[in-house]
Amino acid sequence: MVTAESIEQTIQSALPCEWIRVEGDDGHHFHAVIVSAQFQGKSMIQQHQLVYRALGDRMREEIHALSMKTYTPEQWQVAEKSFT
């Protein structure tokens, strides 16, 4: 069964993250918050594509649904207040 921790590790191994949290306990549906400087200057779609690329085949074969919020470090400085 896929775990939130294994998804975090997969993303972090391919995408430098300043902060990441993946949640989900049913093995198929997950929610992620990802902060990466790699998102700078990219649209939300491009940011999500970077994450999907990091997950590779896992997204097609193991993960049924992944909702995500992506932030640059600068955006996260404002947004993190709602997560703490």
C-alpha atoms as a PDB file:
ATOM      1  CA  MET A   1       0.000   0.000   0.000  1.00  0.00           C
ATOM      2  CA  VAL A   2       1.213   3.496  -0.851  1.00  0.00           C
ATOM      3  CA  THR A   3       1.897   5.731   2.138  1.00  0.00           C
ATOM      4  CA  ALA A   4       2.030   9.499   2.473  1.00  0.00           C
ATOM      5  CA  GLU A   5       5.624   9.177   3.660  1.00  0.00           C
ATOM      6  CA  SER A   6       6.694   7.236   0.569  1.00  0.00           C
ATOM      7  CA  ILE A   7       5.123   9.886  -1.676  1.00  0.00           C
ATOM      8  CA  GLU A   8       6.977  12.621   0.233  1.00  0.00           C
ATOM      9  CA  GLN A   9      10.264  10.761  -0.211  1.00  0.00           C
ATOM     10  CA  THR A  10       9.677  10.238  -3.928  1.00  0.00           C
ATOM     11  CA  ILE A  11       8.881  13.908  -4.498  1.00  0.00           C
ATOM     12  CA  GLN A  12      11.843  15.088  -2.412  1.00  0.00           C
ATOM     13  CA  SER A  13      14.258  12.812  -4.242  1.00  0.00           C
ATOM     14  CA  ALA A  14      13.410  14.429  -7.593  1.00  0.00           C
ATOM     15  CA  LEU A  15      12.353  17.950  -6.614  1.00  0.00           C
ATOM     16  CA  PRO A  16      14.239  20.084  -4.084  1.00  0.00           C
ATOM     17  CA  CYS A  17      11.659  21.089  -1.468  1.00  0.00           C
ATOM     18  CA  GLU A  18      11.984  23.668   1.263  1.00  0.00           C
ATOM     19  CA  TRP A  19       8.927  22.142   2.951  1.00  0.00           C
ATOM     20  CA  ILE A  20       6.557  19.296   2.101  1.00  0.00           C
ATOM     21  CA  ARG A  21       3.667  17.539   3.775  1.00  0.00           C
ATOM     22  CA  VAL A  22       1.643  14.726   2.238  1.00  0.00           C
ATOM     23  CA  GLU A  23      -1.415  13.376   4.013  1.00  0.00           C
ATOM     24  CA  GLY A  24      -3.781  10.519   3.289  1.00  0.00           C
ATOM     25  CA  ASP A  25      -4.442   7.257   5.020  1.00  0.00           C
ATOM     26  CA  ASP A  26      -6.475   5.143   2.624  1.00  0.00           C
ATOM     27  CA  GLY A  27      -3.546   4.262   0.353  1.00  0.00           C
ATOM     28  CA  HIS A  28      -5.066   5.868  -2.750  1.00  0.00           C
ATOM     29  CA  HIS A  29      -6.163   9.473  -2.082  1.00  0.00           C
ATOM     30  CA  PHE A  30      -3.633  12.042  -0.933  1.00  0.00           C
ATOM     31  CA  HIS A  31      -3.262  15.757  -0.340  1.00  0.00           C
ATOM     32  CA  ALA A  32       0.103  17.515  -0.556  1.00  0.00           C
ATOM     33  CA  VAL A  33       1.485  20.936   0.274  1.00  0.00           C
ATOM     34  CA  ILE A  34       4.806  21.493  -1.457  1.00  0.00           C
ATOM     35  CA  VAL A  35       7.173  24.458  -1.232  1.00  0.00           C
ATOM     36  CA  SER A  36       9.990  24.620  -3.765  1.00  0.00           C
ATOM     37  CA  ALA A  37      12.125  27.311  -5.349  1.00  0.00           C
ATOM     38  CA  GLN A  38      11.721  25.307  -8.575  1.00  0.00           C
ATOM     39  CA  PHE A  39       8.173  26.704  -8.812  1.00  0.00           C
ATOM     40  CA  GLN A  40       9.440  30.272  -9.221  1.00  0.00           C
ATOM     41  CA  GLY A  41       8.128  31.874 -12.414  1.00  0.00           C
ATOM     42  CA  LYS A  42       5.938  28.892 -13.316  1.00  0.00           C
ATOM     43  CA  SER A  43       2.162  28.733 -13.604  1.00  0.00           C
ATOM     44  CA  MET A  44       0.221  26.508 -11.227  1.00  0.00           C
ATOM     45  CA  ILE A  45      -0.176  23.945 -14.001  1.00  0.00           C
ATOM     46  CA  GLN A  46       3.575  23.923 -14.648  1.00  0.00           C
ATOM     47  CA  GLN A  47       4.227  23.540 -10.908  1.00  0.00           C
ATOM     48  CA  HIS A  48       1.868  20.574 -10.702  1.00  0.00           C
ATOM     49  CA  GLN A  49       3.492  19.050 -13.774  1.00  0.00           C
ATOM     50  CA  LEU A  50       6.857  19.171 -11.977  1.00  0.00           C
ATOM     51  CA  VAL A  51       5.345  17.216  -9.097  1.00  0.00           C
ATOM     52  CA  TYR A  52       3.691  14.684 -11.415  1.00  0.00           C
ATOM     53  CA  ARG A  53       7.007  14.275 -13.244  1.00  0.00           C
ATOM     54  CA  ALA A  54       8.734  13.656  -9.893  1.00  0.00           C
ATOM     55  CA  LEU A  55       6.204  10.917  -9.112  1.00  0.00           C
ATOM     56  CA  GLY A  56       6.531   9.365 -12.557  1.00  0.00           C
ATOM     57  CA  ASP A  57       4.881   5.970 -12.951  1.00  0.00           C
ATOM     58  CA  ARG A  58       3.668   6.008  -9.345  1.00  0.00           C
ATOM     59  CA  MET A  59       1.055   8.573 -10.373  1.00  0.00           C
ATOM     60  CA  ARG A  60      -0.291   6.288 -13.073  1.00  0.00           C
ATOM     61  CA  GLU A  61       0.041   2.971 -11.287  1.00  0.00           C
ATOM     62  CA  GLU A  62      -0.254   3.469  -7.518  1.00  0.00           C
ATOM     63  CA  ILE A  63      -1.843   6.802  -6.673  1.00  0.00           C
ATOM     64  CA  HIS A  64      -5.504   7.203  -7.502  1.00  0.00           C
ATOM     65  CA  ALA A  65      -5.812  10.889  -6.564  1.00  0.00           C
ATOM     66  CA  LEU A  66      -3.420  13.599  -5.439  1.00  0.00           C
ATOM     67  CA  SER A  67      -4.641  17.081  -4.687  1.00  0.00           C
ATOM     68  CA  MET A  68      -1.909  19.581  -4.071  1.00  0.00           C
ATOM     69  CA  LYS A  69      -1.091  23.136  -3.205  1.00  0.00           C
ATOM     70  CA  THR A  70       2.238  24.372  -4.488  1.00  0.00           C
ATOM     71  CA  TYR A  71       4.114  27.450  -3.325  1.00  0.00           C
ATOM     72  CA  THR A  72       7.363  29.258  -3.940  1.00  0.00           C
ATOM     73  CA  PRO A  73       9.259  30.023  -0.715  1.00  0.00           C
ATOM     74  CA  GLU A  74       8.079  33.635  -0.933  1.00  0.00           C
ATOM     75  CA  GLN A  75       4.431  32.614  -1.328  1.00  0.00           C
ATOM     76  CA  TRP A  76       4.820  30.153   1.542  1.00  0.00           C
ATOM     77  CA  GLN A  77       5.936  32.894   3.927  1.00  0.00           C
ATOM     78  CA  VAL A  78       2.430  34.321   3.617  1.00  0.00           C
ATOM     79  CA  ALA A  79       0.474  31.076   3.247  1.00  0.00           C
ATOM     80  CA  GLU A  80       2.066  29.065   6.071  1.00  0.00           C
ATOM     81  CA  LYS A  81       0.198  31.063   8.676  1.00  0.00           C
ATOM     82  CA  SER A  82      -2.944  29.160   7.683  1.00  0.00           C
ATOM     83  CA  PHE A  83      -1.168  25.793   8.104  1.00  0.00           C
ATOM     84  CA  THR A  84       0.325  26.330  11.550  1.00  0.00           C
END
